[in-house]
PDB file of N, CA and C in Angstrom:
ATOM      1  N   MET A   1      96.899  -8.579 -37.800  1.00  0.00           N
ATOM      2  CA  MET A   1      96.506  -9.441 -38.899  1.00  0.00           C
ATOM      3  C   MET A   1      94.988  -9.529 -39.019  1.00  0.00           C
ATOM      4  N   LEU A   2      94.335  -9.722 -37.883  1.00  0.00           N
ATOM      5  CA  LEU A   2      92.881  -9.860 -37.894  1.00  0.00           C
ATOM      6  C   LEU A   2      92.229  -8.573 -38.383  1.00  0.00           C
ATOM      7  N   GLU A   3      92.651  -7.446 -37.859  1.00  0.00           N
ATOM      8  CA  GLU A   3      92.055  -6.165 -38.264  1.00  0.00           C
ATOM      9  C   GLU A   3      92.262  -5.917 -39.756  1.00  0.00           C
ATOM     10  N   ILE A   4      93.430  -6.203 -40.259  1.00  0.00           N
ATOM     11  CA  ILE A   4      93.716  -6.022 -41.685  1.00  0.00           C
ATOM     12  C   ILE A   4      92.784  -6.892 -42.522  1.00  0.00           C
ATOM     13  N   ALA A   5      92.618  -8.151 -42.129  1.00  0.00           N
ATOM     14  CA  ALA A   5      91.760  -9.076 -42.873  1.00  0.00           C
ATOM     15  C   ALA A   5      90.300  -8.627 -42.840  1.00  0.00           C
ATOM     16  N   VAL A   6      89.827  -8.204 -41.680  1.00  0.00           N
ATOM     17  CA  VAL A   6      88.438  -7.756 -41.553  1.00  0.00           C
ATOM     18  C   VAL A   6      88.195  -6.538 -42.439  1.00  0.00           C
ATOM     19  N   LYS A   7      89.086  -5.564 -42.366  1.00  0.00           N
ATOM     20  CA  LYS A   7      88.925  -4.346 -43.165  1.00  0.00           C
ATOM     21  C   LYS A   7      89.003  -4.647 -44.664  1.00  0.00           C
ATOM     22  N   ALA A   8      89.895  -5.532 -45.053  1.00  0.00           N
ATOM     23  CA  ALA A   8      90.031  -5.886 -46.469  1.00  0.00           C
ATOM     24  C   ALA A   8      88.772  -6.589 -46.977  1.00  0.00           C
ATOM     25  N   ALA A   9      88.261  -7.525 -46.195  1.00  0.00           N
ATOM     26  CA  ALA A   9      87.031  -8.233 -46.592  1.00  0.00           C
ATOM     27  C   ALA A   9      85.861  -7.261 -46.675  1.00  0.00           C
ATOM     28  N   ASP A  10      85.767  -6.382 -45.695  1.00  0.00           N
ATOM     29  CA  ASP A  10      84.676  -5.402 -45.685  1.00  0.00           C
ATOM     30  C   ASP A  10      84.760  -4.466 -46.892  1.00  0.00           C
ATOM     31  N   SER A  11      85.967  -4.119 -47.301  1.00  0.00           N
ATOM     32  CA  SER A  11      86.128  -3.216 -48.449  1.00  0.00           C
ATOM     33  C   SER A  11      85.624  -3.844 -49.748  1.00  0.00           C
ATOM     34  N   LYS A  12      85.542  -5.164 -49.784  1.00  0.00           N
ATOM     35  CA  LYS A  12      85.026  -5.884 -50.960  1.00  0.00           C
ATOM     36  C   LYS A  12      83.608  -6.405 -50.707  1.00  0.00           C
ATOM     37  N   ARG A  13      82.958  -5.818 -49.707  1.00  0.00           N
ATOM     38  CA  ARG A  13      81.553  -6.096 -49.389  1.00  0.00           C
ATOM     39  C   ARG A  13      81.275  -7.545 -48.958  1.00  0.00           C
ATOM     40  N   ALA A  14      82.181  -8.080 -48.169  1.00  0.00           N
ATOM     41  CA  ALA A  14      81.942  -9.411 -47.587  1.00  0.00           C
ATOM     42  C   ALA A  14      80.697  -9.346 -46.708  1.00  0.00           C
ATOM     43  N   VAL A  15      80.007 -10.464 -46.616  1.00  0.00           N
ATOM     44  CA  VAL A  15      78.747 -10.549 -45.877  1.00  0.00           C
ATOM     45  C   VAL A  15      78.977 -11.294 -44.566  1.00  0.00           C
ATOM     46  N   ASP A  16      78.322 -10.819 -43.498  1.00  0.00           N
ATOM     47  CA  ASP A  16      78.350 -11.505 -42.197  1.00  0.00           C
ATOM     48  C   ASP A  16      79.766 -11.847 -41.737  1.00  0.00           C
ATOM     49  N   VAL A  17      80.590 -10.844 -41.628  1.00  0.00           N
ATOM     50  CA  VAL A  17      81.975 -11.047 -41.173  1.00  0.00           C
ATOM     51  C   VAL A  17      81.966 -11.252 -39.657  1.00  0.00           C
ATOM     52  N   VAL A  18      82.556 -12.358 -39.217  1.00  0.00           N
ATOM     53  CA  VAL A  18      82.703 -12.626 -37.790  1.00  0.00           C
ATOM     54  C   VAL A  18      84.128 -13.096 -37.520  1.00  0.00           C
ATOM     55  N   ALA A  19      84.563 -12.899 -36.289  1.00  0.00           N
ATOM     56  CA  ALA A  19      85.877 -13.390 -35.861  1.00  0.00           C
ATOM     57  C   ALA A  19      85.693 -14.140 -34.553  1.00  0.00           C
ATOM     58  N   LEU A  20      86.252 -15.327 -34.506  1.00  0.00           N
ATOM     59  CA  LEU A  20      86.197 -16.163 -33.311  1.00  0.00           C
ATOM     60  C   LEU A  20      87.565 -16.196 -32.653  1.00  0.00           C
ATOM     61  N   ASP A  21      87.589 -15.995 -31.348  1.00  0.00           N
ATOM     62  CA  ASP A  21      88.821 -16.103 -30.575  1.00  0.00           C
ATOM     63  C   ASP A  21      88.969 -17.567 -30.182  1.00  0.00           C
ATOM     64  N   VAL A  22      89.827 -18.286 -30.895  1.00  0.00           N
ATOM     65  CA  VAL A  22      89.974 -19.731 -30.679  1.00  0.00           C
ATOM     66  C   VAL A  22      91.204 -20.083 -29.839  1.00  0.00           C
ATOM     67  N   THR A  23      91.771 -19.096 -29.153  1.00  0.00           N
ATOM     68  CA  THR A  23      92.993 -19.347 -28.382  1.00  0.00           C
ATOM     69  C   THR A  23      92.803 -20.421 -27.320  1.00  0.00           C
ATOM     70  N   GLN A  24      91.622 -20.513 -26.734  1.00  0.00           N
ATOM     71  CA  GLN A  24      91.382 -21.481 -25.661  1.00  0.00           C
ATOM     72  C   GLN A  24      90.861 -22.831 -26.154  1.00  0.00           C
ATOM     73  N   VAL A  25      90.499 -22.918 -27.444  1.00  0.00           N
ATOM     74  CA  VAL A  25      89.876 -24.158 -27.935  1.00  0.00           C
ATOM     75  C   VAL A  25      90.608 -24.800 -29.109  1.00  0.00           C
ATOM     76  N   SER A  26      91.676 -24.172 -29.585  1.00  0.00           N
ATOM     77  CA  SER A  26      92.386 -24.718 -30.738  1.00  0.00           C
ATOM     78  C   SER A  26      93.865 -24.387 -30.661  1.00  0.00           C
ATOM     79  N   LEU A  27      94.667 -25.303 -31.138  1.00  0.00           N
ATOM     80  CA  LEU A  27      96.100 -25.053 -31.252  1.00  0.00           C
ATOM     81  C   LEU A  27      96.460 -24.528 -32.640  1.00  0.00           C
ATOM     82  N   LEU A  28      95.466 -24.499 -33.542  1.00  0.00           N
ATOM     83  CA  LEU A  28      95.715 -24.115 -34.930  1.00  0.00           C
ATOM     84  C   LEU A  28      96.034 -22.640 -35.101  1.00  0.00           C
ATOM     85  N   ALA A  29      95.330 -21.796 -34.372  1.00  0.00           N
ATOM     86  CA  ALA A  29      95.466 -20.352 -34.563  1.00  0.00           C
ATOM     87  C   ALA A  29      94.900 -19.636 -33.348  1.00  0.00           C
ATOM     88  N   ASP A  30      95.033 -18.315 -33.345  1.00  0.00           N
ATOM     89  CA  ASP A  30      94.427 -17.503 -32.297  1.00  0.00           C
ATOM     90  C   ASP A  30      93.018 -17.053 -32.692  1.00  0.00           C
ATOM     91  N   TYR A  31      92.835 -16.802 -33.997  1.00  0.00           N
ATOM     92  CA  TYR A  31      91.537 -16.324 -34.485  1.00  0.00           C
ATOM     93  C   TYR A  31      91.145 -17.020 -35.772  1.00  0.00           C
ATOM     94  N   PHE A  32      89.849 -17.247 -35.915  1.00  0.00           N
ATOM     95  CA  PHE A  32      89.247 -17.634 -37.185  1.00  0.00           C
ATOM     96  C   PHE A  32      88.388 -16.463 -37.616  1.00  0.00           C
ATOM     97  N   MET A  33      88.602 -15.975 -38.816  1.00  0.00           N
ATOM     98  CA  MET A  33      87.709 -14.984 -39.382  1.00  0.00           C
ATOM     99  C   MET A  33      86.875 -15.691 -40.433  1.00  0.00           C
ATOM    100  N   ILE A  34      85.575 -15.469 -40.392  1.00  0.00           N
ATOM    101  CA  ILE A  34      84.651 -16.136 -41.309  1.00  0.00           C
ATOM    102  C   ILE A  34      83.806 -15.069 -41.984  1.00  0.00           C
ATOM    103  N   CYS A  35      83.641 -15.209 -43.301  1.00  0.00           N
ATOM    104  CA  CYS A  35      82.760 -14.298 -44.023  1.00  0.00           C
ATOM    105  C   CYS A  35      82.197 -15.020 -45.237  1.00  0.00           C
ATOM    106  N   SER A  36      81.202 -14.387 -45.841  1.00  0.00           N
ATOM    107  CA  SER A  36      80.564 -14.940 -47.033  1.00  0.00           C
ATOM    108  C   SER A  36      80.627 -13.931 -48.165  1.00  0.00           C
ATOM    109  N   ALA A  37      80.442 -14.455 -49.378  1.00  0.00           N
ATOM    110  CA  ALA A  37      80.359 -13.625 -50.581  1.00  0.00           C
ATOM    111  C   ALA A  37      79.289 -14.229 -51.482  1.00  0.00           C
ATOM    112  N   ASN A  38      78.668 -13.397 -52.279  1.00  0.00           N
ATOM    113  CA  ASN A  38      77.507 -13.829 -53.060  1.00  0.00           C
ATOM    114  C   ASN A  38      77.830 -14.447 -54.409  1.00  0.00           C
ATOM    115  N   SER A  39      79.102 -14.474 -54.785  1.00  0.00           N
ATOM    116  CA  SER A  39      79.476 -15.092 -56.067  1.00  0.00           C
ATOM    117  C   SER A  39      80.925 -15.559 -55.997  1.00  0.00           C
ATOM    118  N   ASP A  40      81.288 -16.447 -56.911  1.00  0.00           N
ATOM    119  CA  ASP A  40      82.678 -16.913 -56.987  1.00  0.00           C
ATOM    120  C   ASP A  40      83.614 -15.737 -57.262  1.00  0.00           C
ATOM    121  N   ARG A  41      83.164 -14.830 -58.084  1.00  0.00           N
ATOM    122  CA  ARG A  41      83.966 -13.657 -58.423  1.00  0.00           C
ATOM    123  C   ARG A  41      84.230 -12.790 -57.182  1.00  0.00           C
ATOM    124  N   GLN A  42      83.194 -12.609 -56.364  1.00  0.00           N
ATOM    125  CA  GLN A  42      83.357 -11.820 -55.151  1.00  0.00           C
ATOM    126  C   GLN A  42      84.256 -12.544 -54.150  1.00  0.00           C
ATOM    127  N   ILE A  43      84.113 -13.859 -54.040  1.00  0.00           N
ATOM    128  CA  ILE A  43      84.997 -14.639 -53.168  1.00  0.00           C
ATOM    129  C   ILE A  43      86.453 -14.382 -53.550  1.00  0.00           C
ATOM    130  N   ASN A  44      86.744 -14.488 -54.847  1.00  0.00           N
ATOM    131  CA  ASN A  44      88.120 -14.274 -55.311  1.00  0.00           C
ATOM    132  C   ASN A  44      88.589 -12.846 -55.060  1.00  0.00           C
ATOM    133  N   ALA A  45      87.700 -11.870 -55.228  1.00  0.00           N
ATOM    134  CA  ALA A  45      88.064 -10.471 -54.976  1.00  0.00           C
ATOM    135  C   ALA A  45      88.398 -10.265 -53.501  1.00  0.00           C
ATOM    136  N   ILE A  46      87.610 -10.857 -52.613  1.00  0.00           N
ATOM    137  CA  ILE A  46      87.862 -10.748 -51.170  1.00  0.00           C
ATOM    138  C   ILE A  46      89.198 -11.400 -50.819  1.00  0.00           C
ATOM    139  N   VAL A  47      89.421 -12.594 -51.323  1.00  0.00           N
ATOM    140  CA  VAL A  47      90.669 -13.313 -51.047  1.00  0.00           C
ATOM    141  C   VAL A  47      91.867 -12.511 -51.544  1.00  0.00           C
ATOM    142  N   ASP A  48      91.792 -12.021 -52.771  1.00  0.00           N
ATOM    143  CA  ASP A  48      92.904 -11.241 -53.330  1.00  0.00           C
ATOM    144  C   ASP A  48      93.177  -9.992 -52.502  1.00  0.00           C
ATOM    145  N   GLU A  49      92.116  -9.316 -52.066  1.00  0.00           N
ATOM    146  CA  GLU A  49      92.278  -8.090 -51.278  1.00  0.00           C
ATOM    147  C   GLU A  49      92.917  -8.394 -49.916  1.00  0.00           C
ATOM    148  N   ILE A  50      92.465  -9.465 -49.267  1.00  0.00           N
ATOM    149  CA  ILE A  50      93.055  -9.833 -47.980  1.00  0.00           C
ATOM    150  C   ILE A  50      94.540 -10.158 -48.143  1.00  0.00           C
ATOM    151  N   VAL A  51      94.862 -10.975 -49.130  1.00  0.00           N
ATOM    152  CA  VAL A  51      96.258 -11.346 -49.367  1.00  0.00           C
ATOM    153  C   VAL A  51      97.096 -10.101 -49.664  1.00  0.00           C
ATOM    154  N   ASP A  52      96.602  -9.224 -50.536  1.00  0.00           N
ATOM    155  CA  ASP A  52      97.342  -8.009 -50.886  1.00  0.00           C
ATOM    156  C   ASP A  52      97.587  -7.125 -49.667  1.00  0.00           C
ATOM    157  N   LYS A  53      96.544  -6.886 -48.870  1.00  0.00           N
ATOM    158  CA  LYS A  53      96.674  -5.999 -47.707  1.00  0.00           C
ATOM    159  C   LYS A  53      97.594  -6.596 -46.648  1.00  0.00           C
ATOM    160  N   GLU A  54      97.490  -7.905 -46.424  1.00  0.00           N
ATOM    161  CA  GLU A  54      98.376  -8.550 -45.451  1.00  0.00           C
ATOM    162  C   GLU A  54      99.832  -8.434 -45.901  1.00  0.00           C
ATOM    163  N   GLU A  55     100.083  -8.699 -47.179  1.00  0.00           N
ATOM    164  CA  GLU A  55     101.452  -8.610 -47.687  1.00  0.00           C
ATOM    165  C   GLU A  55     101.979  -7.182 -47.622  1.00  0.00           C
ATOM    166  N   GLU A  56     101.108  -6.181 -47.856  1.00  0.00           N
ATOM    167  CA  GLU A  56     101.520  -4.777 -47.723  1.00  0.00           C
ATOM    168  C   GLU A  56     102.002  -4.474 -46.300  1.00  0.00           C
ATOM    169  N   HIS A  57     101.453  -5.186 -45.327  1.00  0.00           N
ATOM    170  CA  HIS A  57     101.835  -4.994 -43.924  1.00  0.00           C
ATOM    171  C   HIS A  57     102.883  -6.020 -43.468  1.00  0.00           C
ATOM    172  N   GLN A  58     103.580  -6.610 -44.419  1.00  0.00           N
ATOM    173  CA  GLN A  58     104.659  -7.576 -44.163  1.00  0.00           C
ATOM    174  C   GLN A  58     104.199  -8.818 -43.398  1.00  0.00           C
ATOM    175  N   VAL A  59     102.930  -9.185 -43.559  1.00  0.00           N
ATOM    176  CA  VAL A  59     102.430 -10.429 -42.980  1.00  0.00           C
ATOM    177  C   VAL A  59     102.676 -11.537 -44.003  1.00  0.00           C
ATOM    178  N   THR A  60     103.237 -12.640 -43.549  1.00  0.00           N
ATOM    179  CA  THR A  60     103.480 -13.769 -44.430  1.00  0.00           C
ATOM    180  C   THR A  60     102.193 -14.564 -44.604  1.00  0.00           C
ATOM    181  N   VAL A  61     101.767 -14.683 -45.850  1.00  0.00           N
ATOM    182  CA  VAL A  61     100.609 -15.521 -46.159  1.00  0.00           C
ATOM    183  C   VAL A  61     101.155 -16.926 -46.381  1.00  0.00           C
ATOM    184  N   LYS A  62     100.874 -17.810 -45.424  1.00  0.00           N
ATOM    185  CA  LYS A  62     101.463 -19.150 -45.451  1.00  0.00           C
ATOM    186  C   LYS A  62     100.868 -20.020 -46.555  1.00  0.00           C
ATOM    187  N   ARG A  63      99.552 -19.899 -46.761  1.00  0.00           N
ATOM    188  CA  ARG A  63      98.900 -20.768 -47.736  1.00  0.00           C
ATOM    189  C   ARG A  63      97.518 -20.218 -48.063  1.00  0.00           C
ATOM    190  N   VAL A  64      97.099 -20.415 -49.314  1.00  0.00           N
ATOM    191  CA  VAL A  64      95.729 -20.142 -49.737  1.00  0.00           C
ATOM    192  C   VAL A  64      95.207 -21.437 -50.355  1.00  0.00           C
ATOM    193  N   GLU A  65      94.136 -21.963 -49.783  1.00  0.00           N
ATOM    194  CA  GLU A  65      93.569 -23.239 -50.242  1.00  0.00           C
ATOM    195  C   GLU A  65      92.158 -23.032 -50.784  1.00  0.00           C
ATOM    196  N   GLY A  66      91.851 -23.691 -51.887  1.00  0.00           N
ATOM    197  CA  GLY A  66      90.486 -23.703 -52.404  1.00  0.00           C
ATOM    198  C   GLY A  66      90.149 -22.606 -53.378  1.00  0.00           C
ATOM    199  N   LYS A  67      91.141 -21.808 -53.763  1.00  0.00           N
ATOM    200  CA  LYS A  67      90.837 -20.667 -54.634  1.00  0.00           C
ATOM    201  C   LYS A  67      90.283 -21.112 -55.985  1.00  0.00           C
ATOM    202  N   ASN A  68      90.728 -22.206 -56.507  1.00  0.00           N
ATOM    203  CA  ASN A  68      90.230 -22.673 -57.797  1.00  0.00           C
ATOM    204  C   ASN A  68      88.812 -23.213 -57.711  1.00  0.00           C
ATOM    205  N   GLY A  69      88.418 -23.731 -56.533  1.00  0.00           N
ATOM    206  CA  GLY A  69      87.072 -24.259 -56.368  1.00  0.00           C
ATOM    207  C   GLY A  69      86.021 -23.179 -56.213  1.00  0.00           C
ATOM    208  N   GLY A  70      86.405 -22.089 -55.565  1.00  0.00           N
ATOM    209  CA  GLY A  70      85.544 -20.931 -55.494  1.00  0.00           C
ATOM    210  C   GLY A  70      84.413 -20.944 -54.488  1.00  0.00           C
ATOM    211  N   LYS A  71      84.176 -22.021 -53.757  1.00  0.00           N
ATOM    212  CA  LYS A  71      83.055 -22.072 -52.811  1.00  0.00           C
ATOM    213  C   LYS A  71      83.486 -21.876 -51.363  1.00  0.00           C
ATOM    214  N   TRP A  72      84.724 -22.249 -51.063  1.00  0.00           N
ATOM    215  CA  TRP A  72      85.288 -22.066 -49.729  1.00  0.00           C
ATOM    216  C   TRP A  72      86.788 -21.890 -49.898  1.00  0.00           C
ATOM    217  N   VAL A  73      87.277 -20.725 -49.546  1.00  0.00           N
ATOM    218  CA  VAL A  73      88.702 -20.454 -49.638  1.00  0.00           C
ATOM    219  C   VAL A  73      89.228 -20.205 -48.231  1.00  0.00           C
ATOM    220  N   LEU A  74      90.338 -20.846 -47.919  1.00  0.00           N
ATOM    221  CA  LEU A  74      90.988 -20.702 -46.625  1.00  0.00           C
ATOM    222  C   LEU A  74      92.312 -19.975 -46.835  1.00  0.00           C
ATOM    223  N   ILE A  75      92.532 -18.944 -46.035  1.00  0.00           N
ATOM    224  CA  ILE A  75      93.797 -18.205 -46.063  1.00  0.00           C
ATOM    225  C   ILE A  75      94.482 -18.414 -44.714  1.00  0.00           C
ATOM    226  N   ASP A  76      95.652 -19.020 -44.744  1.00  0.00           N
ATOM    227  CA  ASP A  76      96.416 -19.290 -43.521  1.00  0.00           C
ATOM    228  C   ASP A  76      97.435 -18.179 -43.323  1.00  0.00           C
ATOM    229  N   LEU A  77      97.194 -17.369 -42.295  1.00  0.00           N
ATOM    230  CA  LEU A  77      98.108 -16.273 -41.958  1.00  0.00           C
ATOM    231  C   LEU A  77      98.927 -16.600 -40.716  1.00  0.00           C
ATOM    232  N   GLY A  78      98.851 -17.833 -40.275  1.00  0.00           N
ATOM    233  CA  GLY A  78      99.556 -18.235 -39.054  1.00  0.00           C
ATOM    234  C   GLY A  78      98.636 -18.128 -37.866  1.00  0.00           C
ATOM    235  N   ASP A  79      98.664 -17.007 -37.177  1.00  0.00           N
ATOM    236  CA  ASP A  79      97.827 -16.818 -35.999  1.00  0.00           C
ATOM    237  C   ASP A  79      96.366 -16.538 -36.348  1.00  0.00           C
ATOM    238  N   VAL A  80      96.109 -16.212 -37.598  1.00  0.00           N
ATOM    239  CA  VAL A  80      94.749 -15.947 -38.069  1.00  0.00           C
ATOM    240  C   VAL A  80      94.469 -16.838 -39.274  1.00  0.00           C
ATOM    241  N   ILE A  81      93.347 -17.542 -39.222  1.00  0.00           N
ATOM    242  CA  ILE A  81      92.888 -18.343 -40.352  1.00  0.00           C
ATOM    243  C   ILE A  81      91.616 -17.686 -40.872  1.00  0.00           C
ATOM    244  N   VAL A  82      91.606 -17.358 -42.156  1.00  0.00           N
ATOM    245  CA  VAL A  82      90.457 -16.693 -42.770  1.00  0.00           C
ATOM    246  C   VAL A  82      89.712 -17.699 -43.629  1.00  0.00           C
ATOM    247  N   HIS A  83      88.380 -17.737 -43.462  1.00  0.00           N
ATOM    248  CA  HIS A  83      87.509 -18.596 -44.253  1.00  0.00           C
ATOM    249  C   HIS A  83      86.564 -17.703 -45.036  1.00  0.00           C
ATOM    250  N   VAL A  84      86.589 -17.814 -46.365  1.00  0.00           N
ATOM    251  CA  VAL A  84      85.678 -17.052 -47.215  1.00  0.00           C
ATOM    252  C   VAL A  84      84.778 -18.071 -47.916  1.00  0.00           C
ATOM    253  N   PHE A  85      83.486 -17.995 -47.628  1.00  0.00           N
ATOM    254  CA  PHE A  85      82.521 -18.993 -48.087  1.00  0.00           C
ATOM    255  C   PHE A  85      81.496 -18.422 -49.056  1.00  0.00           C
ATOM    256  N   SER A  86      80.950 -19.301 -49.883  1.00  0.00           N
ATOM    257  CA  SER A  86      79.673 -19.007 -50.526  1.00  0.00           C
ATOM    258  C   SER A  86      78.623 -19.225 -49.437  1.00  0.00           C
ATOM    259  N   PRO A  87      77.452 -18.596 -49.525  1.00  0.00           N
ATOM    260  CA  PRO A  87      76.441 -18.762 -48.467  1.00  0.00           C
ATOM    261  C   PRO A  87      76.054 -20.229 -48.222  1.00  0.00           C
ATOM    262  N   SER A  88      75.911 -21.013 -49.278  1.00  0.00           N
ATOM    263  CA  SER A  88      75.499 -22.414 -49.096  1.00  0.00           C
ATOM    264  C   SER A  88      76.585 -23.241 -48.414  1.00  0.00           C
ATOM    265  N   GLU A  89      77.843 -23.008 -48.751  1.00  0.00           N
ATOM    266  CA  GLU A  89      78.941 -23.728 -48.102  1.00  0.00           C
ATOM    267  C   GLU A  89      79.069 -23.318 -46.641  1.00  0.00           C
ATOM    268  N   ARG A  90      78.892 -22.045 -46.374  1.00  0.00           N
ATOM    269  CA  ARG A  90      78.980 -21.576 -44.986  1.00  0.00           C
ATOM    270  C   ARG A  90      77.886 -22.214 -44.141  1.00  0.00           C
ATOM    271  N   GLU A  91      76.698 -22.279 -44.680  1.00  0.00           N
ATOM    272  CA  GLU A  91      75.590 -22.908 -43.954  1.00  0.00           C
ATOM    273  C   GLU A  91      75.858 -24.398 -43.746  1.00  0.00           C
ATOM    274  N   PHE A  92      76.376 -25.068 -44.763  1.00  0.00           N
ATOM    275  CA  PHE A  92      76.628 -26.500 -44.677  1.00  0.00           C
ATOM    276  C   PHE A  92      77.695 -26.823 -43.624  1.00  0.00           C
ATOM    277  N   TYR A  93      78.818 -26.125 -43.660  1.00  0.00           N
ATOM    278  CA  TYR A  93      79.919 -26.423 -42.740  1.00  0.00           C
ATOM    279  C   TYR A  93      79.725 -25.802 -41.357  1.00  0.00           C
ATOM    280  N   ASN A  94      79.014 -24.705 -41.286  1.00  0.00           N
ATOM    281  CA  ASN A  94      78.609 -24.067 -40.032  1.00  0.00           C
ATOM    282  C   ASN A  94      79.744 -24.015 -38.996  1.00  0.00           C
ATOM    283  N   LEU A  95      80.837 -23.378 -39.378  1.00  0.00           N
ATOM    284  CA  LEU A  95      81.996 -23.296 -38.487  1.00  0.00           C
ATOM    285  C   LEU A  95      81.687 -22.577 -37.180  1.00  0.00           C
ATOM    286  N   GLU A  96      80.783 -21.593 -37.248  1.00  0.00           N
ATOM    287  CA  GLU A  96      80.429 -20.890 -36.019  1.00  0.00           C
ATOM    288  C   GLU A  96      79.859 -21.857 -34.980  1.00  0.00           C
ATOM    289  N   LYS A  97      79.068 -22.828 -35.422  1.00  0.00           N
ATOM    290  CA  LYS A  97      78.515 -23.822 -34.494  1.00  0.00           C
ATOM    291  C   LYS A  97      79.594 -24.824 -34.082  1.00  0.00           C
ATOM    292  N   LEU A  98      80.392 -25.241 -35.036  1.00  0.00           N
ATOM    293  CA  LEU A  98      81.458 -26.200 -34.763  1.00  0.00           C
ATOM    294  C   LEU A  98      82.435 -25.657 -33.707  1.00  0.00           C
ATOM    295  N   TRP A  99      82.711 -24.364 -33.764  1.00  0.00           N
ATOM    296  CA  TRP A  99      83.621 -23.722 -32.824  1.00  0.00           C
ATOM    297  C   TRP A  99      82.838 -22.851 -31.846  1.00  0.00           C
ATOM    298  N   SER A 100      81.673 -23.295 -31.437  1.00  0.00           N
ATOM    299  CA  SER A 100      80.787 -22.491 -30.578  1.00  0.00           C
ATOM    300  C   SER A 100      81.384 -22.218 -29.191  1.00  0.00           C
ATOM    301  N   ASP A 101      82.393 -22.973 -28.791  1.00  0.00           N
ATOM    302  CA  ASP A 101      83.065 -22.706 -27.512  1.00  0.00           C
ATOM    303  C   ASP A 101      83.952 -21.463 -27.585  1.00  0.00           C
ATOM    304  N   ALA A 102      84.240 -21.015 -28.793  1.00  0.00           N
ATOM    305  CA  ALA A 102      85.110 -19.852 -28.981  1.00  0.00           C
ATOM    306  C   ALA A 102      84.273 -18.574 -28.945  1.00  0.00           C
ATOM    307  N   PRO A 103      84.659 -17.614 -28.109  1.00  0.00           N
ATOM    308  CA  PRO A 103      83.903 -16.350 -28.059  1.00  0.00           C
ATOM    309  C   PRO A 103      84.111 -15.522 -29.320  1.00  0.00           C
ATOM    310  N   LEU A 104      83.099 -14.726 -29.642  1.00  0.00           N
ATOM    311  CA  LEU A 104      83.204 -13.801 -30.761  1.00  0.00           C
ATOM    312  C   LEU A 104      84.100 -12.630 -30.374  1.00  0.00           C
ATOM    313  N   GLU A 105      84.919 -12.226 -31.293  1.00  0.00           N
ATOM    314  CA  GLU A 105      85.759 -11.044 -31.111  1.00  0.00           C
ATOM    315  C   GLU A 105      84.960  -9.829 -31.597  1.00  0.00           C
ATOM    316  N   ASN A 106      85.061  -8.725 -30.887  1.00  0.00           N
ATOM    317  CA  ASN A 106      84.340  -7.522 -31.292  1.00  0.00           C
ATOM    318  C   ASN A 106      85.094  -6.847 -32.438  1.00  0.00           C
ATOM    319  N   ILE A 107      84.517  -6.895 -33.644  1.00  0.00           N
ATOM    320  CA  ILE A 107      85.155  -6.307 -34.826  1.00  0.00           C
ATOM    321  C   ILE A 107      84.345  -5.134 -35.378  1.00  0.00           C
ATOM    322  N   GLU A 108      83.300  -4.734 -34.673  1.00  0.00           N
ATOM    323  CA  GLU A 108      82.382  -3.682 -35.154  1.00  0.00           C
ATOM    324  C   GLU A 108      83.124  -2.402 -35.553  1.00  0.00           C
ATOM    325  N   ALA A 109      84.132  -2.008 -34.799  1.00  0.00           N
ATOM    326  CA  ALA A 109      84.839  -0.761 -35.061  1.00  0.00           C
ATOM    327  C   ALA A 109      85.616  -0.799 -36.388  1.00  0.00           C
ATOM    328  N   TRP A 110      85.888  -1.996 -36.892  1.00  0.00           N
ATOM    329  CA  TRP A 110      86.669  -2.131 -38.119  1.00  0.00           C
ATOM    330  C   TRP A 110      85.817  -2.197 -39.369  1.00  0.00           C
ATOM    331  N   ILE A 111      84.508  -2.299 -39.208  1.00  0.00           N
ATOM    332  CA  ILE A 111      83.598  -2.466 -40.342  1.00  0.00           C
ATOM    333  C   ILE A 111      82.846  -1.166 -40.576  1.00  0.00           C
ATOM    334  N   ASP A 112      82.821  -0.756 -41.848  1.00  0.00           N
ATOM    335  CA  ASP A 112      82.086   0.486 -42.184  1.00  0.00           C
ATOM    336  C   ASP A 112      80.589   0.301 -42.107  1.00  0.00           C
TER     337      ASP A 112
END
């Protein structure tokens, strides 16, 4: 799930894609994937691509929240939670700092 989401976001030119391994610090999921996009249109394109690719691989997309607002969209894939932010929202909420106890997952091989 995580690899599919990372590759899908990267294919739509997501910015600063990171994945946090939250297995030891959260009961919500195993991974948080966080990325940014430079416009509402790009945010929606990234979200649509992630949802499409996950569904192609028979992953159940449990919920998509915030798509109409366009500044922060959350995709709940169960074990993976994807956050797609505008740069200002990402800076404001600073999830990487909030979940700083969670180690970064190495996703370099999945990004072009």
